[in-house]
Amino acid sequence: MRAPRILIFLLLTLLGRPLPAQSTDAAVRLEPIAEASQLTAVVEPLSLEVFIDVALVYSGASGRSLVTARETIRSHIEALNRNLAAEADPRQTAEAALEYMHEHLLSRYDERQTEVHTLLRQGNYNCVSSGVLYAILVKSLGLRVWGVRTSDHAFCRVQAGLEAVDVETTSAFGFDPGKRQEFTDEFGQVTGFTYVPPSNYADRRDIGERELLGLILYNRTAFASERRQYAAAVPPAVDAYAVLGDEESYERLITSVSNLASWYGMSGRFEDAVAFLDRAGHIYENERLDALRGDLLHNWTLSLIQKGGYIEAEQLLDSHRDGRGTVGLGE
C-alpha cells in the first residue's frame, strides 16, 4: 500500500510566511531566447559585439536600457583605448584596463548585483558582473580572456603576452593578485571570498566565454529564488540550459520549474501548477516533474473533497488518468 502524501498546500501554514506575488503561468517563459539558442553554435572566442550584446541581454537589459548600455560601453572602450594609445606591453595593458574599470565604472561591491547594465548605471558590482565587464574591456584591446570558477566565486584570466594572469576583478589590486600585498589586505574584507591561486587546481576550474556569460543567468536564477520570486527564476534557468546544456544547468532548470510549480500548489493554485508542469514536461521530460505533477493532482483532489466538491474531485481524477501517472488518495 502507498503511504499517505503530505499535502503541499499545508506547508504554507506550517512555515507561517507570507508568499510574494508571482506572475501568472502564461507569463512564464519556458522557451530560450534567441541569444541563448544561437550562442551554442558560435565558436569561441566570441566577437566583441556578440559578447557585449549577450552580456546585456543575459543581464535582462531590453529596449532603451539595452541601447543606453551599449552606448555607455562603447564610450568607455573609446576612452580606455585613447588612454592606452602609446601602450604596447600586454601585461601593462591588461592591468590598466582593471585600473580604469575601478576608477571610472565600479563604486560599491554588492554580492547580488550581477547585471551588467545595472553596474553601468549604478556602479554596484559583484564578481560576475565585474568579471564580464572586464572581459569586454580587454577584448576591445585585442587580448584573450576567459573565466575561472571556484565553489562560490568567479574571476578572470587574461593572456598577457606569453603568460596567463589571474585577475580578481572585484579588487582594484586584483591583477596577478598572488603577488600583491594590497590585494591580500583588502580582498577578503570587501568581498568575503578567498582567492584560489593557480597552484590549487582542485578548487578552481577554467571556463570559456560562453560559461562566463552563463554565470549571469545562474546568478539571476539563484537570487530570484532567494527572494522567493520563483516565476522570475525560471526564464534565466531556461536560457542557461539552452546555452550550456550540461548537467549543472539542467539541474538548475528542473529545480526552478519545480519551485514555481510547488509555489502554485502552496497558494492553492493547483490548476495553474498542473498546467505549468504540463507545458514544462512537453519540453523538458523529467521524472521529478512527473512525480511533482502527481503530488499536486493528489492535493488538488483532496482540497476539492475538503470543500465538499466530491463530483468535481471525481471528474478531476477521471480527466487526468492519461498515462502520466495515476492519481489516487493513498491509504
C-alpha atoms as a PDB file:
ATOM      1  CA  MET A   1       0.000   0.000   0.000  1.00  0.00           C
ATOM      2  CA  ARG A   2       1.106   3.524  -0.712  1.00  0.00           C
ATOM      3  CA  ALA A   3       1.883   5.808   2.240  1.00  0.00           C
ATOM      4  CA  PRO A   4      -0.204   8.987   2.568  1.00  0.00           C
ATOM      5  CA  ARG A   5       1.307  12.013   0.878  1.00  0.00           C
ATOM      6  CA  ILE A   6       1.941  15.283   2.663  1.00  0.00           C
ATOM      7  CA  LEU A   7      -0.378  17.999   1.460  1.00  0.00           C
ATOM      8  CA  ILE A   8       1.782  20.590  -0.252  1.00  0.00           C
ATOM      9  CA  PHE A   9      -0.610  23.427   0.454  1.00  0.00           C
ATOM     10  CA  LEU A  10      -0.320  22.811   4.216  1.00  0.00           C
ATOM     11  CA  LEU A  11       3.350  23.807   4.083  1.00  0.00           C
ATOM     12  CA  LEU A  12       2.287  27.438   3.880  1.00  0.00           C
ATOM     13  CA  THR A  13       0.570  27.133   7.244  1.00  0.00           C
ATOM     14  CA  LEU A  14       3.498  25.289   8.761  1.00  0.00           C
ATOM     15  CA  LEU A  15       6.030  27.822   7.552  1.00  0.00           C
ATOM     16  CA  GLY A  16       3.905  30.759   8.626  1.00  0.00           C
ATOM     17  CA  ARG A  17       5.351  33.055   5.953  1.00  0.00           C
ATOM     18  CA  PRO A  18       3.534  35.327   3.519  1.00  0.00           C
ATOM     19  CA  LEU A  19       4.151  34.438  -0.121  1.00  0.00           C
ATOM     20  CA  PRO A  20       5.169  37.129  -2.634  1.00  0.00           C
ATOM     21  CA  ALA A  21       3.056  37.864  -5.676  1.00  0.00           C
ATOM     22  CA  GLN A  22       4.019  35.826  -8.734  1.00  0.00           C
ATOM     23  CA  SER A  23       3.423  36.148 -12.437  1.00  0.00           C
ATOM     24  CA  THR A  24       0.679  34.024 -13.968  1.00  0.00           C
ATOM     25  CA  ASP A  25       1.660  30.826 -15.753  1.00  0.00           C
ATOM     26  CA  ALA A  26       1.023  32.390 -19.153  1.00  0.00           C
ATOM     27  CA  ALA A  27       3.786  34.935 -18.466  1.00  0.00           C
ATOM     28  CA  VAL A  28       6.465  32.387 -17.500  1.00  0.00           C
ATOM     29  CA  ARG A  29       8.721  31.731 -20.475  1.00  0.00           C
ATOM     30  CA  LEU A  30       9.876  28.135 -20.988  1.00  0.00           C
ATOM     31  CA  GLU A  31      11.494  28.558 -24.419  1.00  0.00           C
ATOM     32  CA  PRO A  32      15.014  30.041 -24.617  1.00  0.00           C
ATOM     33  CA  ILE A  33      15.633  33.449 -26.115  1.00  0.00           C
ATOM     34  CA  ALA A  34      17.387  33.588 -29.476  1.00  0.00           C
ATOM     35  CA  GLU A  35      20.640  34.837 -27.933  1.00  0.00           C
ATOM     36  CA  ALA A  36      20.844  31.633 -25.876  1.00  0.00           C
ATOM     37  CA  SER A  37      19.955  29.182 -28.631  1.00  0.00           C
ATOM     38  CA  GLN A  38      22.182  30.801 -31.261  1.00  0.00           C
ATOM     39  CA  LEU A  39      25.218  31.107 -28.995  1.00  0.00           C
ATOM     40  CA  THR A  40      25.645  27.324 -28.857  1.00  0.00           C
ATOM     41  CA  ALA A  41      26.783  27.314 -32.500  1.00  0.00           C
ATOM     42  CA  VAL A  42      29.225  30.239 -32.172  1.00  0.00           C
ATOM     43  CA  VAL A  43      32.905  29.359 -31.912  1.00  0.00           C
ATOM     44  CA  GLU A  44      34.942  30.983 -29.156  1.00  0.00           C
ATOM     45  CA  PRO A  45      36.450  33.475 -28.796  1.00  0.00           C
ATOM     46  CA  LEU A  46      33.241  35.421 -29.379  1.00  0.00           C
ATOM     47  CA  SER A  47      33.409  38.652 -31.303  1.00  0.00           C
ATOM     48  CA  LEU A  48      33.367  41.770 -29.149  1.00  0.00           C
ATOM     49  CA  GLU A  49      29.928  42.825 -30.450  1.00  0.00           C
ATOM     50  CA  VAL A  50      28.391  39.422 -29.760  1.00  0.00           C
ATOM     51  CA  PHE A  51      29.951  39.291 -26.292  1.00  0.00           C
ATOM     52  CA  ILE A  52      28.596  42.745 -25.402  1.00  0.00           C
ATOM     53  CA  ASP A  53      25.085  42.056 -26.673  1.00  0.00           C
ATOM     54  CA  VAL A  54      24.846  38.659 -24.976  1.00  0.00           C
ATOM     55  CA  ALA A  55      26.157  40.067 -21.681  1.00  0.00           C
ATOM     56  CA  LEU A  56      23.492  42.767 -21.684  1.00  0.00           C
ATOM     57  CA  VAL A  57      20.609  40.566 -22.812  1.00  0.00           C
ATOM     58  CA  TYR A  58      21.529  37.860 -20.287  1.00  0.00           C
ATOM     59  CA  SER A  59      21.542  40.600 -17.653  1.00  0.00           C
ATOM     60  CA  GLY A  60      17.935  41.403 -18.522  1.00  0.00           C
ATOM     61  CA  ALA A  61      18.508  44.621 -20.470  1.00  0.00           C
ATOM     62  CA  SER A  62      15.999  45.392 -23.219  1.00  0.00           C
ATOM     63  CA  GLY A  63      14.614  48.312 -25.166  1.00  0.00           C
ATOM     64  CA  ARG A  64      16.064  51.654 -24.183  1.00  0.00           C
ATOM     65  CA  SER A  65      18.142  50.217 -21.340  1.00  0.00           C
ATOM     66  CA  LEU A  66      19.893  47.925 -23.839  1.00  0.00           C
ATOM     67  CA  VAL A  67      20.637  50.777 -26.240  1.00  0.00           C
ATOM     68  CA  THR A  68      21.895  53.025 -23.440  1.00  0.00           C
ATOM     69  CA  ALA A  69      24.127  50.298 -22.019  1.00  0.00           C
ATOM     70  CA  ARG A  70      25.668  49.606 -25.436  1.00  0.00           C
ATOM     71  CA  GLU A  71      26.415  53.313 -25.865  1.00  0.00           C
ATOM     72  CA  THR A  72      27.941  53.545 -22.392  1.00  0.00           C
ATOM     73  CA  ILE A  73      30.206  50.569 -23.020  1.00  0.00           C
ATOM     74  CA  ARG A  74      31.299  51.984 -26.371  1.00  0.00           C
ATOM     75  CA  SER A  75      32.191  55.333 -24.804  1.00  0.00           C
ATOM     76  CA  HIS A  76      34.315  53.655 -22.139  1.00  0.00           C
ATOM     77  CA  ILE A  77      36.034  51.429 -24.692  1.00  0.00           C
ATOM     78  CA  GLU A  78      36.969  54.529 -26.694  1.00  0.00           C
ATOM     79  CA  ALA A  79      38.226  56.327 -23.583  1.00  0.00           C
ATOM     80  CA  LEU A  80      40.276  53.312 -22.478  1.00  0.00           C
ATOM     81  CA  ASN A  81      41.823  52.903 -25.912  1.00  0.00           C
ATOM     82  CA  ARG A  82      42.738  56.614 -26.021  1.00  0.00           C
ATOM     83  CA  ASN A  83      44.440  56.306 -22.629  1.00  0.00           C
ATOM     84  CA  LEU A  84      46.458  53.321 -23.867  1.00  0.00           C
ATOM     85  CA  ALA A  85      47.288  54.592 -27.346  1.00  0.00           C
ATOM     86  CA  ALA A  86      51.023  54.508 -26.676  1.00  0.00           C
ATOM     87  CA  GLU A  87      50.977  51.363 -24.517  1.00  0.00           C
ATOM     88  CA  ALA A  88      52.212  48.216 -26.246  1.00  0.00           C
ATOM     89  CA  ASP A  89      53.020  45.820 -23.383  1.00  0.00           C
ATOM     90  CA  PRO A  90      50.073  43.370 -22.997  1.00  0.00           C
ATOM     91  CA  ARG A  91      50.599  42.869 -19.258  1.00  0.00           C
ATOM     92  CA  GLN A  92      50.523  46.594 -18.551  1.00  0.00           C
ATOM     93  CA  THR A  93      47.570  46.965 -20.911  1.00  0.00           C
ATOM     94  CA  ALA A  94      45.564  44.289 -19.099  1.00  0.00           C
ATOM     95  CA  GLU A  95      46.371  45.805 -15.711  1.00  0.00           C
ATOM     96  CA  ALA A  96      45.493  49.289 -16.934  1.00  0.00           C
ATOM     97  CA  ALA A  97      42.051  48.001 -18.014  1.00  0.00           C
ATOM     98  CA  LEU A  98      41.385  46.828 -14.443  1.00  0.00           C
ATOM     99  CA  GLU A  99      42.531  50.146 -13.013  1.00  0.00           C
ATOM    100  CA  TYR A 100      40.352  52.057 -15.481  1.00  0.00           C
ATOM    101  CA  MET A 101      37.301  49.964 -14.591  1.00  0.00           C
ATOM    102  CA  HIS A 102      37.693  50.630 -10.872  1.00  0.00           C
ATOM    103  CA  GLU A 103      38.397  54.311 -11.360  1.00  0.00           C
ATOM    104  CA  HIS A 104      35.562  55.063 -13.824  1.00  0.00           C
ATOM    105  CA  LEU A 105      32.920  52.326 -13.542  1.00  0.00           C
ATOM    106  CA  LEU A 106      32.897  50.464 -10.222  1.00  0.00           C
ATOM    107  CA  SER A 107      31.870  52.107  -6.961  1.00  0.00           C
ATOM    108  CA  ARG A 108      30.479  49.562  -4.468  1.00  0.00           C
ATOM    109  CA  TYR A 109      30.722  45.795  -4.093  1.00  0.00           C
ATOM    110  CA  ASP A 110      27.316  44.099  -3.852  1.00  0.00           C
ATOM    111  CA  GLU A 111      27.365  40.292  -3.785  1.00  0.00           C
ATOM    112  CA  ARG A 112      23.978  40.058  -5.552  1.00  0.00           C
ATOM    113  CA  GLN A 113      24.403  42.740  -8.226  1.00  0.00           C
ATOM    114  CA  THR A 114      25.134  40.542 -11.226  1.00  0.00           C
ATOM    115  CA  GLU A 115      23.560  42.605 -14.049  1.00  0.00           C
ATOM    116  CA  VAL A 116      25.976  44.412 -16.364  1.00  0.00           C
ATOM    117  CA  HIS A 117      23.585  47.204 -17.385  1.00  0.00           C
ATOM    118  CA  THR A 118      22.812  47.901 -13.702  1.00  0.00           C
ATOM    119  CA  LEU A 119      26.538  48.066 -12.983  1.00  0.00           C
ATOM    120  CA  LEU A 120      26.931  50.656 -15.743  1.00  0.00           C
ATOM    121  CA  ARG A 121      24.088  52.726 -14.330  1.00  0.00           C
ATOM    122  CA  GLN A 122      24.751  52.455 -10.591  1.00  0.00           C
ATOM    123  CA  GLY A 123      28.361  51.299 -10.194  1.00  0.00           C
ATOM    124  CA  ASN A 124      27.364  48.371  -7.943  1.00  0.00           C
ATOM    125  CA  TYR A 125      29.009  45.070  -8.900  1.00  0.00           C
ATOM    126  CA  ASN A 126      29.799  41.516  -7.888  1.00  0.00           C
ATOM    127  CA  CYS A 127      32.401  39.046  -9.122  1.00  0.00           C
ATOM    128  CA  VAL A 128      30.366  38.063 -12.200  1.00  0.00           C
ATOM    129  CA  SER A 129      29.223  41.489 -13.418  1.00  0.00           C
ATOM    130  CA  SER A 130      32.698  42.987 -12.872  1.00  0.00           C
ATOM    131  CA  GLY A 131      34.320  39.951 -14.494  1.00  0.00           C
ATOM    132  CA  VAL A 132      32.146  40.185 -17.593  1.00  0.00           C
ATOM    133  CA  LEU A 133      32.736  43.929 -17.882  1.00  0.00           C
ATOM    134  CA  TYR A 134      36.491  43.455 -17.532  1.00  0.00           C
ATOM    135  CA  ALA A 135      36.350  40.798 -20.253  1.00  0.00           C
ATOM    136  CA  ILE A 136      34.631  43.311 -22.530  1.00  0.00           C
ATOM    137  CA  LEU A 137      37.322  45.917 -21.936  1.00  0.00           C
ATOM    138  CA  VAL A 138      40.290  43.610 -22.514  1.00  0.00           C
ATOM    139  CA  LYS A 139      38.650  42.009 -25.556  1.00  0.00           C
ATOM    140  CA  SER A 140      38.378  45.524 -27.002  1.00  0.00           C
ATOM    141  CA  LEU A 141      42.161  45.752 -26.554  1.00  0.00           C
ATOM    142  CA  GLY A 142      42.703  42.559 -28.536  1.00  0.00           C
ATOM    143  CA  LEU A 143      43.603  40.360 -25.561  1.00  0.00           C
ATOM    144  CA  ARG A 144      42.287  36.844 -24.949  1.00  0.00           C
ATOM    145  CA  VAL A 145      40.323  36.433 -21.728  1.00  0.00           C
ATOM    146  CA  TRP A 146      38.359  33.645 -20.068  1.00  0.00           C
ATOM    147  CA  GLY A 147      36.819  32.855 -16.703  1.00  0.00           C
ATOM    148  CA  VAL A 148      37.778  30.872 -13.613  1.00  0.00           C
ATOM    149  CA  ARG A 149      35.215  29.313 -11.264  1.00  0.00           C
ATOM    150  CA  THR A 150      35.606  28.161  -7.686  1.00  0.00           C
ATOM    151  CA  SER A 151      32.875  26.713  -5.468  1.00  0.00           C
ATOM    152  CA  ASP A 152      31.409  30.133  -4.673  1.00  0.00           C
ATOM    153  CA  HIS A 153      33.330  32.712  -6.687  1.00  0.00           C
ATOM    154  CA  ALA A 154      34.456  33.672 -10.185  1.00  0.00           C
ATOM    155  CA  PHE A 155      37.211  35.801 -11.671  1.00  0.00           C
ATOM    156  CA  CYS A 156      39.077  36.259 -14.939  1.00  0.00           C
ATOM    157  CA  ARG A 157      42.290  35.029 -16.506  1.00  0.00           C
ATOM    158  CA  VAL A 158      43.895  37.008 -19.296  1.00  0.00           C
ATOM    159  CA  GLN A 159      46.599  36.076 -21.776  1.00  0.00           C
ATOM    160  CA  ALA A 160      49.195  38.824 -21.372  1.00  0.00           C
ATOM    161  CA  GLY A 161      51.907  38.044 -23.877  1.00  0.00           C
ATOM    162  CA  LEU A 162      53.421  34.650 -23.093  1.00  0.00           C
ATOM    163  CA  GLU A 163      51.883  34.386 -19.618  1.00  0.00           C
ATOM    164  CA  ALA A 164      48.322  33.878 -18.401  1.00  0.00           C
ATOM    165  CA  VAL A 165      47.468  36.066 -15.409  1.00  0.00           C
ATOM    166  CA  ASP A 166      44.663  35.844 -12.844  1.00  0.00           C
ATOM    167  CA  VAL A 167      42.562  38.984 -12.468  1.00  0.00           C
ATOM    168  CA  GLU A 168      40.320  39.348  -9.412  1.00  0.00           C
ATOM    169  CA  THR A 169      38.049  41.965 -10.903  1.00  0.00           C
ATOM    170  CA  THR A 170      36.356  42.833  -7.597  1.00  0.00           C
ATOM    171  CA  SER A 171      39.574  44.486  -6.399  1.00  0.00           C
ATOM    172  CA  ALA A 172      41.496  47.410  -7.843  1.00  0.00           C
ATOM    173  CA  PHE A 173      44.642  45.488  -6.776  1.00  0.00           C
ATOM    174  CA  GLY A 174      43.406  42.231  -8.327  1.00  0.00           C
ATOM    175  CA  PHE A 175      45.807  41.963 -11.270  1.00  0.00           C
ATOM    176  CA  ASP A 176      48.066  38.959 -10.640  1.00  0.00           C
ATOM    177  CA  PRO A 177      46.752  39.012  -7.050  1.00  0.00           C
ATOM    178  CA  GLY A 178      49.110  36.429  -5.604  1.00  0.00           C
ATOM    179  CA  LYS A 179      51.924  38.980  -5.924  1.00  0.00           C
ATOM    180  CA  ARG A 180      50.097  41.978  -4.394  1.00  0.00           C
ATOM    181  CA  GLN A 181      50.130  42.646  -0.661  1.00  0.00           C
ATOM    182  CA  GLU A 182      47.481  45.358  -1.129  1.00  0.00           C
ATOM    183  CA  PHE A 183      45.142  42.774  -2.612  1.00  0.00           C
ATOM    184  CA  THR A 184      45.693  40.323   0.256  1.00  0.00           C
ATOM    185  CA  ASP A 185      44.882  43.031   2.808  1.00  0.00           C
ATOM    186  CA  GLU A 186      41.762  44.303   1.034  1.00  0.00           C
ATOM    187  CA  PHE A 187      40.093  41.468  -0.852  1.00  0.00           C
ATOM    188  CA  GLY A 188      38.579  39.306   1.888  1.00  0.00           C
ATOM    189  CA  GLN A 189      37.371  42.311   3.858  1.00  0.00           C
ATOM    190  CA  VAL A 190      35.475  43.727   0.867  1.00  0.00           C
ATOM    191  CA  THR A 191      34.093  40.586  -0.766  1.00  0.00           C
ATOM    192  CA  GLY A 192      34.162  37.872   1.871  1.00  0.00           C
ATOM    193  CA  PHE A 193      35.781  35.444  -0.600  1.00  0.00           C
ATOM    194  CA  THR A 194      39.175  33.771  -0.596  1.00  0.00           C
ATOM    195  CA  TYR A 195      41.478  33.896  -3.595  1.00  0.00           C
ATOM    196  CA  VAL A 196      42.325  30.476  -5.018  1.00  0.00           C
ATOM    197  CA  PRO A 197      45.799  30.599  -6.654  1.00  0.00           C
ATOM    198  CA  PRO A 198      46.667  28.723  -9.871  1.00  0.00           C
ATOM    199  CA  SER A 199      48.546  26.032  -7.945  1.00  0.00           C
ATOM    200  CA  ASN A 200      45.314  24.914  -6.238  1.00  0.00           C
ATOM    201  CA  TYR A 201      43.747  23.134  -9.210  1.00  0.00           C
ATOM    202  CA  ALA A 202      41.300  21.119  -7.095  1.00  0.00           C
ATOM    203  CA  ASP A 203      39.354  24.226  -6.104  1.00  0.00           C
ATOM    204  CA  ARG A 204      39.339  26.130  -9.392  1.00  0.00           C
ATOM    205  CA  ARG A 205      38.283  25.449 -12.959  1.00  0.00           C
ATOM    206  CA  ASP A 206      38.874  27.437 -16.130  1.00  0.00           C
ATOM    207  CA  ILE A 207      35.708  28.270 -18.078  1.00  0.00           C
ATOM    208  CA  GLY A 208      35.235  29.744 -21.533  1.00  0.00           C
ATOM    209  CA  GLU A 209      33.477  32.935 -22.539  1.00  0.00           C
ATOM    210  CA  ARG A 210      30.166  31.153 -23.021  1.00  0.00           C
ATOM    211  CA  GLU A 211      30.142  29.790 -19.471  1.00  0.00           C
ATOM    212  CA  LEU A 212      31.371  33.085 -18.047  1.00  0.00           C
ATOM    213  CA  LEU A 213      28.336  34.778 -19.594  1.00  0.00           C
ATOM    214  CA  GLY A 214      26.158  31.920 -18.377  1.00  0.00           C
ATOM    215  CA  LEU A 215      27.090  32.780 -14.776  1.00  0.00           C
ATOM    216  CA  ILE A 216      24.942  35.910 -15.150  1.00  0.00           C
ATOM    217  CA  LEU A 217      21.941  33.659 -15.809  1.00  0.00           C
ATOM    218  CA  TYR A 218      22.840  31.320 -12.938  1.00  0.00           C
ATOM    219  CA  ASN A 219      23.012  34.252 -10.544  1.00  0.00           C
ATOM    220  CA  ARG A 220      19.738  35.760 -11.721  1.00  0.00           C
ATOM    221  CA  THR A 221      18.011  32.424 -11.109  1.00  0.00           C
ATOM    222  CA  ALA A 222      19.634  31.946  -7.692  1.00  0.00           C
ATOM    223  CA  PHE A 223      18.958  35.470  -6.442  1.00  0.00           C
ATOM    224  CA  ALA A 224      15.336  35.447  -7.634  1.00  0.00           C
ATOM    225  CA  SER A 225      14.826  32.147  -5.794  1.00  0.00           C
ATOM    226  CA  GLU A 226      16.370  33.612  -2.633  1.00  0.00           C
ATOM    227  CA  ARG A 227      13.757  36.381  -2.811  1.00  0.00           C
ATOM    228  CA  ARG A 228      11.125  33.673  -3.389  1.00  0.00           C
ATOM    229  CA  GLN A 229      10.309  35.216  -6.776  1.00  0.00           C
ATOM    230  CA  TYR A 230      10.020  31.814  -8.365  1.00  0.00           C
ATOM    231  CA  ALA A 231       8.430  32.946 -11.625  1.00  0.00           C
ATOM    232  CA  ALA A 232      11.349  35.306 -12.279  1.00  0.00           C
ATOM    233  CA  ALA A 233      13.828  32.481 -11.624  1.00  0.00           C
ATOM    234  CA  VAL A 234      12.609  30.239 -14.449  1.00  0.00           C
ATOM    235  CA  PRO A 235      13.475  32.137 -17.696  1.00  0.00           C
ATOM    236  CA  PRO A 236      17.187  32.668 -16.935  1.00  0.00           C
ATOM    237  CA  ALA A 237      17.435  28.991 -15.968  1.00  0.00           C
ATOM    238  CA  VAL A 238      15.850  28.080 -19.313  1.00  0.00           C
ATOM    239  CA  ASP A 239      18.378  30.246 -21.149  1.00  0.00           C
ATOM    240  CA  ALA A 240      21.349  28.886 -19.174  1.00  0.00           C
ATOM    241  CA  TYR A 241      20.415  25.322 -20.073  1.00  0.00           C
ATOM    242  CA  ALA A 242      19.983  26.284 -23.734  1.00  0.00           C
ATOM    243  CA  VAL A 243      23.446  27.793 -23.972  1.00  0.00           C
ATOM    244  CA  LEU A 244      25.379  25.396 -21.688  1.00  0.00           C
ATOM    245  CA  GLY A 245      23.417  22.153 -21.969  1.00  0.00           C
ATOM    246  CA  ASP A 246      25.292  20.398 -19.154  1.00  0.00           C
ATOM    247  CA  GLU A 247      24.218  18.575 -16.010  1.00  0.00           C
ATOM    248  CA  GLU A 248      24.512  21.630 -13.765  1.00  0.00           C
ATOM    249  CA  SER A 249      22.366  23.855 -15.982  1.00  0.00           C
ATOM    250  CA  TYR A 250      19.782  21.072 -16.365  1.00  0.00           C
ATOM    251  CA  GLU A 251      19.551  20.579 -12.598  1.00  0.00           C
ATOM    252  CA  ARG A 252      19.131  24.325 -12.045  1.00  0.00           C
ATOM    253  CA  LEU A 253      16.370  24.395 -14.663  1.00  0.00           C
ATOM    254  CA  ILE A 254      14.427  21.473 -13.167  1.00  0.00           C
ATOM    255  CA  THR A 255      14.772  22.964  -9.685  1.00  0.00           C
ATOM    256  CA  SER A 256      13.460  26.364 -10.786  1.00  0.00           C
ATOM    257  CA  VAL A 257      10.485  24.767 -12.562  1.00  0.00           C
ATOM    258  CA  SER A 258       9.743  22.624  -9.505  1.00  0.00           C
ATOM    259  CA  ASN A 259       9.959  25.608  -7.164  1.00  0.00           C
ATOM    260  CA  LEU A 260       7.405  27.596  -9.140  1.00  0.00           C
ATOM    261  CA  ALA A 261       5.000  24.668  -9.507  1.00  0.00           C
ATOM    262  CA  SER A 262       5.267  23.999  -5.766  1.00  0.00           C
ATOM    263  CA  TRP A 263       4.581  27.666  -5.041  1.00  0.00           C
ATOM    264  CA  TYR A 264       1.420  27.454  -7.118  1.00  0.00           C
ATOM    265  CA  GLY A 265       0.409  24.425  -5.082  1.00  0.00           C
ATOM    266  CA  MET A 266       1.130  26.100  -1.737  1.00  0.00           C
ATOM    267  CA  SER A 267      -1.043  29.008  -2.890  1.00  0.00           C
ATOM    268  CA  GLY A 268      -3.911  26.665  -3.730  1.00  0.00           C
ATOM    269  CA  ARG A 269      -3.471  27.353  -7.446  1.00  0.00           C
ATOM    270  CA  PHE A 270      -3.459  23.699  -8.412  1.00  0.00           C
ATOM    271  CA  GLU A 271      -4.811  24.242 -11.906  1.00  0.00           C
ATOM    272  CA  ASP A 272      -2.001  26.711 -12.649  1.00  0.00           C
ATOM    273  CA  ALA A 273       0.546  24.308 -11.170  1.00  0.00           C
ATOM    274  CA  VAL A 274      -0.542  21.346 -13.279  1.00  0.00           C
ATOM    275  CA  ALA A 275      -0.872  23.418 -16.446  1.00  0.00           C
ATOM    276  CA  PHE A 276       2.620  24.835 -15.924  1.00  0.00           C
ATOM    277  CA  LEU A 277       4.116  21.377 -15.362  1.00  0.00           C
ATOM    278  CA  ASP A 278       2.317  20.052 -18.439  1.00  0.00           C
ATOM    279  CA  ARG A 279       3.944  22.796 -20.524  1.00  0.00           C
ATOM    280  CA  ALA A 280       7.336  22.185 -18.944  1.00  0.00           C
ATOM    281  CA  GLY A 281       7.021  18.407 -19.305  1.00  0.00           C
ATOM    282  CA  HIS A 282       6.473  18.636 -23.041  1.00  0.00           C
ATOM    283  CA  ILE A 283       9.805  20.448 -23.395  1.00  0.00           C
ATOM    284  CA  TYR A 284      11.927  19.050 -20.557  1.00  0.00           C
ATOM    285  CA  GLU A 285      10.845  15.499 -19.793  1.00  0.00           C
ATOM    286  CA  ASN A 286      11.853  14.639 -16.255  1.00  0.00           C
ATOM    287  CA  GLU A 287      10.787  12.096 -13.636  1.00  0.00           C
ATOM    288  CA  ARG A 288      10.899  14.664 -10.826  1.00  0.00           C
ATOM    289  CA  LEU A 289       8.475  16.906 -12.678  1.00  0.00           C
ATOM    290  CA  ASP A 290       6.173  13.946 -13.328  1.00  0.00           C
ATOM    291  CA  ALA A 291       6.224  12.994  -9.645  1.00  0.00           C
ATOM    292  CA  LEU A 292       5.519  16.574  -8.585  1.00  0.00           C
ATOM    293  CA  ARG A 293       2.617  16.738 -11.025  1.00  0.00           C
ATOM    294  CA  GLY A 294       1.164  13.622  -9.418  1.00  0.00           C
ATOM    295  CA  ASP A 295       1.536  15.123  -5.933  1.00  0.00           C
ATOM    296  CA  LEU A 296      -0.161  18.336  -6.995  1.00  0.00           C
ATOM    297  CA  LEU A 297      -3.058  16.456  -8.603  1.00  0.00           C
ATOM    298  CA  HIS A 298      -3.388  14.443  -5.415  1.00  0.00           C
ATOM    299  CA  ASN A 299      -3.517  17.590  -3.270  1.00  0.00           C
ATOM    300  CA  TRP A 300      -5.897  19.278  -5.701  1.00  0.00           C
ATOM    301  CA  THR A 301      -8.276  16.327  -5.381  1.00  0.00           C
ATOM    302  CA  LEU A 302      -8.117  16.382  -1.587  1.00  0.00           C
ATOM    303  CA  SER A 303      -8.738  20.134  -1.491  1.00  0.00           C
ATOM    304  CA  LEU A 304     -11.921  19.636  -3.523  1.00  0.00           C
ATOM    305  CA  ILE A 305     -13.091  16.853  -1.209  1.00  0.00           C
ATOM    306  CA  GLN A 306     -12.421  19.002   1.867  1.00  0.00           C
ATOM    307  CA  LYS A 307     -14.695  21.647   0.360  1.00  0.00           C
ATOM    308  CA  GLY A 308     -17.396  19.077  -0.364  1.00  0.00           C
ATOM    309  CA  GLY A 309     -16.727  19.028  -4.095  1.00  0.00           C
ATOM    310  CA  TYR A 310     -16.973  15.257  -4.463  1.00  0.00           C
ATOM    311  CA  ILE A 311     -18.249  15.346  -8.034  1.00  0.00           C
ATOM    312  CA  GLU A 312     -15.512  17.802  -9.067  1.00  0.00           C
ATOM    313  CA  ALA A 313     -12.906  15.591  -7.410  1.00  0.00           C
ATOM    314  CA  GLU A 314     -14.146  12.531  -9.269  1.00  0.00           C
ATOM    315  CA  GLN A 315     -14.149  14.447 -12.569  1.00  0.00           C
ATOM    316  CA  LEU A 316     -10.619  15.639 -11.880  1.00  0.00           C
ATOM    317  CA  LEU A 317      -9.408  12.103 -11.246  1.00  0.00           C
ATOM    318  CA  ASP A 318     -11.056  10.864 -14.426  1.00  0.00           C
ATOM    319  CA  SER A 319      -9.716  13.705 -16.588  1.00  0.00           C
ATOM    320  CA  HIS A 320      -6.094  13.143 -15.550  1.00  0.00           C
ATOM    321  CA  ARG A 321      -5.833   9.384 -15.955  1.00  0.00           C
ATOM    322  CA  ASP A 322      -3.813   9.984 -19.085  1.00  0.00           C
ATOM    323  CA  GLY A 323      -0.806   7.734 -18.783  1.00  0.00           C
ATOM    324  CA  ARG A 324       1.385  10.285 -16.951  1.00  0.00           C
ATOM    325  CA  GLY A 325       0.686   8.656 -13.595  1.00  0.00           C
ATOM    326  CA  THR A 326      -2.405   7.530 -11.753  1.00  0.00           C
ATOM    327  CA  VAL A 327      -3.952   9.986  -9.354  1.00  0.00           C
ATOM    328  CA  GLY A 328      -5.003   8.387  -6.089  1.00  0.00           C
ATOM    329  CA  LEU A 329      -5.723   9.335  -2.496  1.00  0.00           C
ATOM    330  CA  GLY A 330      -3.445   6.817  -0.827  1.00  0.00           C
ATOM    331  CA  GLU A 331      -4.259   4.902   2.310  1.00  0.00           C
END
